[in-house]
Amino acid sequence: MTLILLILYYLVEVFWFLLLGRIVVEMIASFSRSWTPKGVLAVVLEWLFTITDPPVKALRKVIKPVRLGQVSLDLSVLVLFIILMVLRVVILAFI
């Protein structure tokens, strides 16, 4: 049982870091509109977004973006980030 929980913990940990990378890339893209990844970086980022997209899109269906005047704030990535942090703590409690 401990081995299964340990494997699950490491999977959640890796996904947490991938999601953190996605957040950083989205922040860079939002602050620098002219930035476009090229070459190997474009391939790596495509892989990163392909892995993290399914849970983010599922949460986007449940949690609608918050409208703040002319700006729409998407909270789905933040909620997923917090869920993963809580899940890590819960799994560690059982190991």
PDB file of N, CA and C in Angstrom:
ATOM      1  N   MET A   1       0.820  -1.195   0.000  1.00  0.00           N
ATOM      2  CA  MET A   1       0.000   0.000   0.000  1.00  0.00           C
ATOM      3  C   MET A   1       0.865   1.260   0.000  1.00  0.00           C
ATOM      4  N   THR A   2       1.942   1.211   0.775  1.00  0.00           N
ATOM      5  CA  THR A   2       2.835   2.359   0.849  1.00  0.00           C
ATOM      6  C   THR A   2       3.495   2.627  -0.499  1.00  0.00           C
ATOM      7  N   LEU A   3       3.840   1.565  -1.211  1.00  0.00           N
ATOM      8  CA  LEU A   3       4.465   1.729  -2.521  1.00  0.00           C
ATOM      9  C   LEU A   3       3.512   2.402  -3.504  1.00  0.00           C
ATOM     10  N   ILE A   4       2.254   2.009  -3.478  1.00  0.00           N
ATOM     11  CA  ILE A   4       1.256   2.615  -4.368  1.00  0.00           C
ATOM     12  C   ILE A   4       1.076   4.092  -4.033  1.00  0.00           C
ATOM     13  N   LEU A   5       0.993   4.405  -2.749  1.00  0.00           N
ATOM     14  CA  LEU A   5       0.850   5.805  -2.338  1.00  0.00           C
ATOM     15  C   LEU A   5       2.086   6.625  -2.697  1.00  0.00           C
ATOM     16  N   LEU A   6       3.247   6.012  -2.581  1.00  0.00           N
ATOM     17  CA  LEU A   6       4.480   6.712  -2.931  1.00  0.00           C
ATOM     18  C   LEU A   6       4.538   7.008  -4.432  1.00  0.00           C
ATOM     19  N   ILE A   7       4.149   6.043  -5.242  1.00  0.00           N
ATOM     20  CA  ILE A   7       4.097   6.259  -6.694  1.00  0.00           C
ATOM     21  C   ILE A   7       3.078   7.340  -7.025  1.00  0.00           C
ATOM     22  N   LEU A   8       1.910   7.285  -6.389  1.00  0.00           N
ATOM     23  CA  LEU A   8       0.881   8.300  -6.612  1.00  0.00           C
ATOM     24  C   LEU A   8       1.381   9.682  -6.193  1.00  0.00           C
ATOM     25  N   TYR A   9       2.092   9.737  -5.079  1.00  0.00           N
ATOM     26  CA  TYR A   9       2.646  11.011  -4.616  1.00  0.00           C
ATOM     27  C   TYR A   9       3.610  11.592  -5.646  1.00  0.00           C
ATOM     28  N   TYR A  10       4.494  10.759  -6.178  1.00  0.00           N
ATOM     29  CA  TYR A  10       5.457  11.256  -7.160  1.00  0.00           C
ATOM     30  C   TYR A  10       4.777  11.671  -8.462  1.00  0.00           C
ATOM     31  N   LEU A  11       3.725  10.981  -8.858  1.00  0.00           N
ATOM     32  CA  LEU A  11       2.973  11.385 -10.049  1.00  0.00           C
ATOM     33  C   LEU A  11       2.310  12.747  -9.841  1.00  0.00           C
ATOM     34  N   VAL A  12       1.718  12.939  -8.663  1.00  0.00           N
ATOM     35  CA  VAL A  12       1.105  14.233  -8.347  1.00  0.00           C
ATOM     36  C   VAL A  12       2.176  15.318  -8.287  1.00  0.00           C
ATOM     37  N   GLU A  13       3.319  14.988  -7.735  1.00  0.00           N
ATOM     38  CA  GLU A  13       4.425  15.946  -7.635  1.00  0.00           C
ATOM     39  C   GLU A  13       4.913  16.377  -9.025  1.00  0.00           C
ATOM     40  N   VAL A  14       5.091  15.420  -9.914  1.00  0.00           N
ATOM     41  CA  VAL A  14       5.536  15.737 -11.277  1.00  0.00           C
ATOM     42  C   VAL A  14       4.491  16.592 -11.985  1.00  0.00           C
ATOM     43  N   PHE A  15       3.211  16.226 -11.847  1.00  0.00           N
ATOM     44  CA  PHE A  15       2.159  17.008 -12.489  1.00  0.00           C
ATOM     45  C   PHE A  15       2.094  18.413 -11.903  1.00  0.00           C
ATOM     46  N   TRP A  16       2.351  18.541 -10.607  1.00  0.00           N
ATOM     47  CA  TRP A  16       2.368  19.852  -9.955  1.00  0.00           C
ATOM     48  C   TRP A  16       3.449  20.743 -10.572  1.00  0.00           C
ATOM     49  N   PHE A  17       4.643  20.169 -10.789  1.00  0.00           N
ATOM     50  CA  PHE A  17       5.719  20.941 -11.403  1.00  0.00           C
ATOM     51  C   PHE A  17       5.404  21.287 -12.858  1.00  0.00           C
ATOM     52  N   LEU A  18       4.764  20.366 -13.574  1.00  0.00           N
ATOM     53  CA  LEU A  18       4.357  20.667 -14.949  1.00  0.00           C
ATOM     54  C   LEU A  18       3.339  21.802 -14.973  1.00  0.00           C
ATOM     55  N   LEU A  19       2.397  21.775 -14.048  1.00  0.00           N
ATOM     56  CA  LEU A  19       1.399  22.841 -13.972  1.00  0.00           C
ATOM     57  C   LEU A  19       2.055  24.173 -13.594  1.00  0.00           C
ATOM     58  N   LEU A  20       3.031  24.125 -12.723  1.00  0.00           N
ATOM     59  CA  LEU A  20       3.779  25.335 -12.373  1.00  0.00           C
ATOM     60  C   LEU A  20       4.492  25.898 -13.604  1.00  0.00           C
ATOM     61  N   GLY A  21       5.074  25.019 -14.405  1.00  0.00           N
ATOM     62  CA  GLY A  21       5.701  25.452 -15.654  1.00  0.00           C
ATOM     63  C   GLY A  21       4.699  26.079 -16.599  1.00  0.00           C
ATOM     64  N   ARG A  22       3.504  25.500 -16.670  1.00  0.00           N
ATOM     65  CA  ARG A  22       2.451  26.064 -17.519  1.00  0.00           C
ATOM     66  C   ARG A  22       2.068  27.465 -17.046  1.00  0.00           C
ATOM     67  N   ILE A  23       1.957  27.637 -15.736  1.00  0.00           N
ATOM     68  CA  ILE A  23       1.605  28.949 -15.185  1.00  0.00           C
ATOM     69  C   ILE A  23       2.667  29.981 -15.557  1.00  0.00           C
ATOM     70  N   VAL A  24       3.930  29.614 -15.446  1.00  0.00           N
ATOM     71  CA  VAL A  24       5.021  30.533 -15.785  1.00  0.00           C
ATOM     72  C   VAL A  24       4.967  30.903 -17.266  1.00  0.00           C
ATOM     73  N   VAL A  25       4.761  29.906 -18.127  1.00  0.00           N
ATOM     74  CA  VAL A  25       4.701  30.170 -19.570  1.00  0.00           C
ATOM     75  C   VAL A  25       3.511  31.060 -19.910  1.00  0.00           C
ATOM     76  N   GLU A  26       2.361  30.806 -19.279  1.00  0.00           N
ATOM     77  CA  GLU A  26       1.191  31.646 -19.545  1.00  0.00           C
ATOM     78  C   GLU A  26       1.411  33.078 -19.062  1.00  0.00           C
ATOM     79  N   MET A  27       2.118  33.251 -17.952  1.00  0.00           N
ATOM     80  CA  MET A  27       2.418  34.599 -17.469  1.00  0.00           C
ATOM     81  C   MET A  27       3.367  35.321 -18.430  1.00  0.00           C
ATOM     82  N   ILE A  28       4.379  34.615 -18.915  1.00  0.00           N
ATOM     83  CA  ILE A  28       5.305  35.218 -19.877  1.00  0.00           C
ATOM     84  C   ILE A  28       4.557  35.618 -21.139  1.00  0.00           C
ATOM     85  N   ALA A  29       3.689  34.738 -21.620  1.00  0.00           N
ATOM     86  CA  ALA A  29       2.939  35.024 -22.846  1.00  0.00           C
ATOM     87  C   ALA A  29       1.972  36.191 -22.652  1.00  0.00           C
ATOM     88  N   SER A  30       1.408  36.326 -21.456  1.00  0.00           N
ATOM     89  CA  SER A  30       0.456  37.417 -21.243  1.00  0.00           C
ATOM     90  C   SER A  30       1.151  38.769 -21.074  1.00  0.00           C
ATOM     91  N   PHE A  31       2.363  38.771 -20.528  1.00  0.00           N
ATOM     92  CA  PHE A  31       3.075  40.036 -20.339  1.00  0.00           C
ATOM     93  C   PHE A  31       3.873  40.455 -21.570  1.00  0.00           C
ATOM     94  N   SER A  32       4.257  39.492 -22.387  1.00  0.00           N
ATOM     95  CA  SER A  32       5.011  39.793 -23.607  1.00  0.00           C
ATOM     96  C   SER A  32       4.230  39.241 -24.791  1.00  0.00           C
ATOM     97  N   ARG A  33       3.350  40.044 -25.329  1.00  0.00           N
ATOM     98  CA  ARG A  33       2.447  39.606 -26.403  1.00  0.00           C
ATOM     99  C   ARG A  33       3.190  39.159 -27.657  1.00  0.00           C
ATOM    100  N   SER A  34       4.362  39.708 -27.914  1.00  0.00           N
ATOM    101  CA  SER A  34       5.080  39.369 -29.140  1.00  0.00           C
ATOM    102  C   SER A  34       5.930  38.103 -29.001  1.00  0.00           C
ATOM    103  N   TRP A  35       5.991  37.520 -27.803  1.00  0.00           N
ATOM    104  CA  TRP A  35       6.825  36.344 -27.580  1.00  0.00           C
ATOM    105  C   TRP A  35       6.160  35.107 -28.151  1.00  0.00           C
ATOM    106  N   THR A  36       6.898  34.394 -28.977  1.00  0.00           N
ATOM    107  CA  THR A  36       6.442  33.094 -29.476  1.00  0.00           C
ATOM    108  C   THR A  36       7.604  32.121 -29.363  1.00  0.00           C
ATOM    109  N   PRO A  37       7.365  30.957 -28.785  1.00  0.00           N
ATOM    110  CA  PRO A  37       8.448  29.982 -28.658  1.00  0.00           C
ATOM    111  C   PRO A  37       8.827  29.421 -30.028  1.00  0.00           C
ATOM    112  N   LYS A  38      10.106  29.136 -30.182  1.00  0.00           N
ATOM    113  CA  LYS A  38      10.605  28.604 -31.449  1.00  0.00           C
ATOM    114  C   LYS A  38      11.493  27.396 -31.186  1.00  0.00           C
ATOM    115  N   GLY A  39      11.567  26.525 -32.156  1.00  0.00           N
ATOM    116  CA  GLY A  39      12.486  25.391 -32.104  1.00  0.00           C
ATOM    117  C   GLY A  39      12.096  24.361 -31.055  1.00  0.00           C
ATOM    118  N   VAL A  40      13.096  23.937 -30.305  1.00  0.00           N
ATOM    119  CA  VAL A  40      12.903  22.894 -29.300  1.00  0.00           C
ATOM    120  C   VAL A  40      11.954  23.360 -28.203  1.00  0.00           C
ATOM    121  N   LEU A  41      12.030  24.632 -27.850  1.00  0.00           N
ATOM    122  CA  LEU A  41      11.151  25.163 -26.810  1.00  0.00           C
ATOM    123  C   LEU A  41       9.684  25.034 -27.209  1.00  0.00           C
ATOM    124  N   ALA A  42       9.381  25.252 -28.474  1.00  0.00           N
ATOM    125  CA  ALA A  42       8.000  25.111 -28.946  1.00  0.00           C
ATOM    126  C   ALA A  42       7.518  23.673 -28.802  1.00  0.00           C
ATOM    127  N   VAL A  43       8.396  22.719 -29.076  1.00  0.00           N
ATOM    128  CA  VAL A  43       8.035  21.301 -28.940  1.00  0.00           C
ATOM    129  C   VAL A  43       7.812  20.950 -27.477  1.00  0.00           C
ATOM    130  N   VAL A  44       8.693  21.418 -26.607  1.00  0.00           N
ATOM    131  CA  VAL A  44       8.567  21.136 -25.173  1.00  0.00           C
ATOM    132  C   VAL A  44       7.293  21.759 -24.610  1.00  0.00           C
ATOM    133  N   LEU A  45       6.999  22.985 -25.005  1.00  0.00           N
ATOM    134  CA  LEU A  45       5.798  23.649 -24.496  1.00  0.00           C
ATOM    135  C   LEU A  45       4.525  23.005 -25.037  1.00  0.00           C
ATOM    136  N   GLU A  46       4.562  22.522 -26.270  1.00  0.00           N
ATOM    137  CA  GLU A  46       3.405  21.797 -26.808  1.00  0.00           C
ATOM    138  C   GLU A  46       3.148  20.535 -25.987  1.00  0.00           C
ATOM    139  N   TRP A  47       4.216  19.839 -25.634  1.00  0.00           N
ATOM    140  CA  TRP A  47       4.117  18.642 -24.805  1.00  0.00           C
ATOM    141  C   TRP A  47       3.580  19.004 -23.417  1.00  0.00           C
ATOM    142  N   LEU A  48       4.077  20.108 -22.860  1.00  0.00           N
ATOM    143  CA  LEU A  48       3.640  20.569 -21.541  1.00  0.00           C
ATOM    144  C   LEU A  48       2.147  20.889 -21.535  1.00  0.00           C
ATOM    145  N   PHE A  49       1.686  21.620 -22.535  1.00  0.00           N
ATOM    146  CA  PHE A  49       0.274  21.989 -22.598  1.00  0.00           C
ATOM    147  C   PHE A  49      -0.606  20.780 -22.908  1.00  0.00           C
ATOM    148  N   THR A  50      -0.109  19.832 -23.696  1.00  0.00           N
ATOM    149  CA  THR A  50      -0.879  18.622 -23.995  1.00  0.00           C
ATOM    150  C   THR A  50      -1.117  17.801 -22.734  1.00  0.00           C
ATOM    151  N   ILE A  51      -0.133  17.744 -21.862  1.00  0.00           N
ATOM    152  CA  ILE A  51      -0.273  16.971 -20.621  1.00  0.00           C
ATOM    153  C   ILE A  51      -1.187  17.680 -19.626  1.00  0.00           C
ATOM    154  N   THR A  52      -1.059  18.985 -19.502  1.00  0.00           N
ATOM    155  CA  THR A  52      -1.817  19.702 -18.473  1.00  0.00           C
ATOM    156  C   THR A  52      -3.195  20.170 -18.931  1.00  0.00           C
ATOM    157  N   ASP A  53      -3.483  20.109 -20.226  1.00  0.00           N
ATOM    158  CA  ASP A  53      -4.770  20.602 -20.730  1.00  0.00           C
ATOM    159  C   ASP A  53      -6.007  19.830 -20.250  1.00  0.00           C
ATOM    160  N   PRO A  54      -6.018  18.490 -20.237  1.00  0.00           N
ATOM    161  CA  PRO A  54      -7.272  17.801 -19.876  1.00  0.00           C
ATOM    162  C   PRO A  54      -7.856  18.189 -18.516  1.00  0.00           C
ATOM    163  N   PRO A  55      -7.071  18.197 -17.418  1.00  0.00           N
ATOM    164  CA  PRO A  55      -7.689  18.609 -16.152  1.00  0.00           C
ATOM    165  C   PRO A  55      -8.061  20.089 -16.114  1.00  0.00           C
ATOM    166  N   VAL A  56      -7.267  20.931 -16.769  1.00  0.00           N
ATOM    167  CA  VAL A  56      -7.576  22.365 -16.787  1.00  0.00           C
ATOM    168  C   VAL A  56      -8.869  22.608 -17.556  1.00  0.00           C
ATOM    169  N   LYS A  57      -9.024  21.950 -18.704  1.00  0.00           N
ATOM    170  CA  LYS A  57     -10.252  22.117 -19.494  1.00  0.00           C
ATOM    171  C   LYS A  57     -11.468  21.581 -18.749  1.00  0.00           C
ATOM    172  N   ALA A  58     -11.294  20.476 -18.009  1.00  0.00           N
ATOM    173  CA  ALA A  58     -12.414  19.935 -17.231  1.00  0.00           C
ATOM    174  C   ALA A  58     -12.844  20.922 -16.149  1.00  0.00           C
ATOM    175  N   LEU A  59     -11.885  21.552 -15.498  1.00  0.00           N
ATOM    176  CA  LEU A  59     -12.224  22.547 -14.474  1.00  0.00           C
ATOM    177  C   LEU A  59     -12.812  23.810 -15.084  1.00  0.00           C
ATOM    178  N   ARG A  60     -12.392  24.153 -16.293  1.00  0.00           N
ATOM    179  CA  ARG A  60     -12.949  25.343 -16.959  1.00  0.00           C
ATOM    180  C   ARG A  60     -14.435  25.178 -17.250  1.00  0.00           C
ATOM    181  N   LYS A  61     -14.866  23.930 -17.449  1.00  0.00           N
ATOM    182  CA  LYS A  61     -16.295  23.684 -17.670  1.00  0.00           C
ATOM    183  C   LYS A  61     -17.089  23.914 -16.389  1.00  0.00           C
ATOM    184  N   VAL A  62     -16.474  23.620 -15.251  1.00  0.00           N
ATOM    185  CA  VAL A  62     -17.142  23.754 -13.956  1.00  0.00           C
ATOM    186  C   VAL A  62     -17.009  25.175 -13.408  1.00  0.00           C
ATOM    187  N   ILE A  63     -15.811  25.734 -13.492  1.00  0.00           N
ATOM    188  CA  ILE A  63     -15.532  27.064 -12.946  1.00  0.00           C
ATOM    189  C   ILE A  63     -15.443  28.050 -14.109  1.00  0.00           C
ATOM    190  N   LYS A  64     -16.426  28.871 -14.225  1.00  0.00           N
ATOM    191  CA  LYS A  64     -16.448  29.869 -15.296  1.00  0.00           C
ATOM    192  C   LYS A  64     -15.485  31.014 -14.953  1.00  0.00           C
ATOM    193  N   PRO A  65     -14.897  31.654 -15.958  1.00  0.00           N
ATOM    194  CA  PRO A  65     -14.005  32.795 -15.696  1.00  0.00           C
ATOM    195  C   PRO A  65     -14.740  33.932 -14.988  1.00  0.00           C
ATOM    196  N   VAL A  66     -14.037  34.586 -14.086  1.00  0.00           N
ATOM    197  CA  VAL A  66     -14.595  35.705 -13.327  1.00  0.00           C
ATOM    198  C   VAL A  66     -14.397  36.979 -14.144  1.00  0.00           C
ATOM    199  N   ARG A  67     -15.485  37.706 -14.355  1.00  0.00           N
ATOM    200  CA  ARG A  67     -15.418  38.957 -15.111  1.00  0.00           C
ATOM    201  C   ARG A  67     -15.087  40.108 -14.164  1.00  0.00           C
ATOM    202  N   LEU A  68     -14.030  40.840 -14.492  1.00  0.00           N
ATOM    203  CA  LEU A  68     -13.632  42.024 -13.732  1.00  0.00           C
ATOM    204  C   LEU A  68     -13.586  43.200 -14.699  1.00  0.00           C
ATOM    205  N   GLY A  69     -14.742  43.740 -14.996  1.00  0.00           N
ATOM    206  CA  GLY A  69     -14.823  44.821 -15.978  1.00  0.00           C
ATOM    207  C   GLY A  69     -14.558  44.279 -17.368  1.00  0.00           C
ATOM    208  N   GLN A  70     -13.501  44.761 -18.012  1.00  0.00           N
ATOM    209  CA  GLN A  70     -13.132  44.312 -19.353  1.00  0.00           C
ATOM    210  C   GLN A  70     -12.243  43.071 -19.331  1.00  0.00           C
ATOM    211  N   VAL A  71     -11.815  42.661 -18.150  1.00  0.00           N
ATOM    212  CA  VAL A  71     -10.880  41.546 -18.012  1.00  0.00           C
ATOM    213  C   VAL A  71     -11.618  40.311 -17.516  1.00  0.00           C
ATOM    214  N   SER A  72     -11.244  39.164 -18.064  1.00  0.00           N
ATOM    215  CA  SER A  72     -11.804  37.892 -17.624  1.00  0.00           C
ATOM    216  C   SER A  72     -10.691  37.090 -16.953  1.00  0.00           C
ATOM    217  N   LEU A  73     -10.894  36.700 -15.707  1.00  0.00           N
ATOM    218  CA  LEU A  73      -9.876  36.003 -14.931  1.00  0.00           C
ATOM    219  C   LEU A  73     -10.227  34.524 -14.841  1.00  0.00           C
ATOM    220  N   ASP A  74      -9.344  33.675 -15.390  1.00  0.00           N
ATOM    221  CA  ASP A  74      -9.561  32.233 -15.379  1.00  0.00           C
ATOM    222  C   ASP A  74      -8.942  31.645 -14.109  1.00  0.00           C
ATOM    223  N   LEU A  75      -9.778  31.113 -13.243  1.00  0.00           N
ATOM    224  CA  LEU A  75      -9.314  30.575 -11.964  1.00  0.00           C
ATOM    225  C   LEU A  75      -9.088  29.066 -11.987  1.00  0.00           C
ATOM    226  N   SER A  76      -9.345  28.408 -13.105  1.00  0.00           N
ATOM    227  CA  SER A  76      -9.269  26.946 -13.149  1.00  0.00           C
ATOM    228  C   SER A  76      -7.854  26.437 -12.887  1.00  0.00           C
ATOM    229  N   VAL A  77      -6.844  27.111 -13.412  1.00  0.00           N
ATOM    230  CA  VAL A  77      -5.465  26.673 -13.187  1.00  0.00           C
ATOM    231  C   VAL A  77      -5.092  26.843 -11.719  1.00  0.00           C
ATOM    232  N   LEU A  78      -5.505  27.949 -11.120  1.00  0.00           N
ATOM    233  CA  LEU A  78      -5.226  28.193  -9.703  1.00  0.00           C
ATOM    234  C   LEU A  78      -5.918  27.157  -8.818  1.00  0.00           C
ATOM    235  N   VAL A  79      -7.164  26.841  -9.130  1.00  0.00           N
ATOM    236  CA  VAL A  79      -7.904  25.843  -8.348  1.00  0.00           C
ATOM    237  C   VAL A  79      -7.239  24.473  -8.477  1.00  0.00           C
ATOM    238  N   LEU A  80      -6.828  24.099  -9.686  1.00  0.00           N
ATOM    239  CA  LEU A  80      -6.141  22.820  -9.885  1.00  0.00           C
ATOM    240  C   LEU A  80      -4.822  22.796  -9.125  1.00  0.00           C
ATOM    241  N   PHE A  81      -4.105  23.901  -9.118  1.00  0.00           N
ATOM    242  CA  PHE A  81      -2.843  24.009  -8.385  1.00  0.00           C
ATOM    243  C   PHE A  81      -3.073  23.775  -6.891  1.00  0.00           C
ATOM    244  N   ILE A  82      -4.107  24.381  -6.341  1.00  0.00           N
ATOM    245  CA  ILE A  82      -4.423  24.214  -4.918  1.00  0.00           C
ATOM    246  C   ILE A  82      -4.881  22.791  -4.628  1.00  0.00           C
ATOM    247  N   ILE A  83      -5.690  22.211  -5.517  1.00  0.00           N
ATOM    248  CA  ILE A  83      -6.137  20.824  -5.338  1.00  0.00           C
ATOM    249  C   ILE A  83      -4.937  19.884  -5.297  1.00  0.00           C
ATOM    250  N   LEU A  84      -3.976  20.090  -6.178  1.00  0.00           N
ATOM    251  CA  LEU A  84      -2.784  19.240  -6.191  1.00  0.00           C
ATOM    252  C   LEU A  84      -1.956  19.418  -4.923  1.00  0.00           C
ATOM    253  N   MET A  85      -1.866  20.637  -4.410  1.00  0.00           N
ATOM    254  CA  MET A  85      -1.134  20.865  -3.162  1.00  0.00           C
ATOM    255  C   MET A  85      -1.796  20.132  -2.001  1.00  0.00           C
ATOM    256  N   VAL A  86      -3.119  20.194  -1.926  1.00  0.00           N
ATOM    257  CA  VAL A  86      -3.852  19.501  -0.858  1.00  0.00           C
ATOM    258  C   VAL A  86      -3.712  17.990  -1.022  1.00  0.00           C
ATOM    259  N   LEU A  87      -3.795  17.511  -2.258  1.00  0.00           N
ATOM    260  CA  LEU A  87      -3.662  16.075  -2.522  1.00  0.00           C
ATOM    261  C   LEU A  87      -2.287  15.563  -2.109  1.00  0.00           C
ATOM    262  N   ARG A  88      -1.252  16.352  -2.344  1.00  0.00           N
ATOM    263  CA  ARG A  88       0.093  15.959  -1.912  1.00  0.00           C
ATOM    264  C   ARG A  88       0.158  15.802  -0.399  1.00  0.00           C
ATOM    265  N   VAL A  89      -0.431  16.734   0.333  1.00  0.00           N
ATOM    266  CA  VAL A  89      -0.410  16.676   1.796  1.00  0.00           C
ATOM    267  C   VAL A  89      -1.198  15.469   2.296  1.00  0.00           C
ATOM    268  N   VAL A  90      -2.341  15.205   1.689  1.00  0.00           N
ATOM    269  CA  VAL A  90      -3.171  14.067   2.104  1.00  0.00           C
ATOM    270  C   VAL A  90      -2.439  12.753   1.848  1.00  0.00           C
ATOM    271  N   ILE A  91      -1.806  12.629   0.693  1.00  0.00           N
ATOM    272  CA  ILE A  91      -1.071  11.395   0.390  1.00  0.00           C
ATOM    273  C   ILE A  91       0.093  11.221   1.356  1.00  0.00           C
ATOM    274  N   LEU A  92       0.801  12.306   1.657  1.00  0.00           N
ATOM    275  CA  LEU A  92       1.918  12.212   2.607  1.00  0.00           C
ATOM    276  C   LEU A  92       1.449  11.811   3.998  1.00  0.00           C
ATOM    277  N   ALA A  93       0.242  12.186   4.368  1.00  0.00           N
ATOM    278  CA  ALA A  93      -0.279  11.817   5.686  1.00  0.00           C
ATOM    279  C   ALA A  93      -0.490  10.312   5.800  1.00  0.00           C
ATOM    280  N   PHE A  94      -0.764   9.655   4.680  1.00  0.00           N
ATOM    281  CA  PHE A  94      -1.013   8.216   4.704  1.00  0.00           C
ATOM    282  C   PHE A  94       0.241   7.383   4.458  1.00  0.00           C
ATOM    283  N   ILE A  95       1.338   8.017   4.072  1.00  0.00           N
ATOM    284  CA  ILE A  95       2.572   7.249   3.804  1.00  0.00           C
ATOM    285  C   ILE A  95       3.297   6.949   5.084  1.00  0.00           C
TER     286      ILE A  95
END
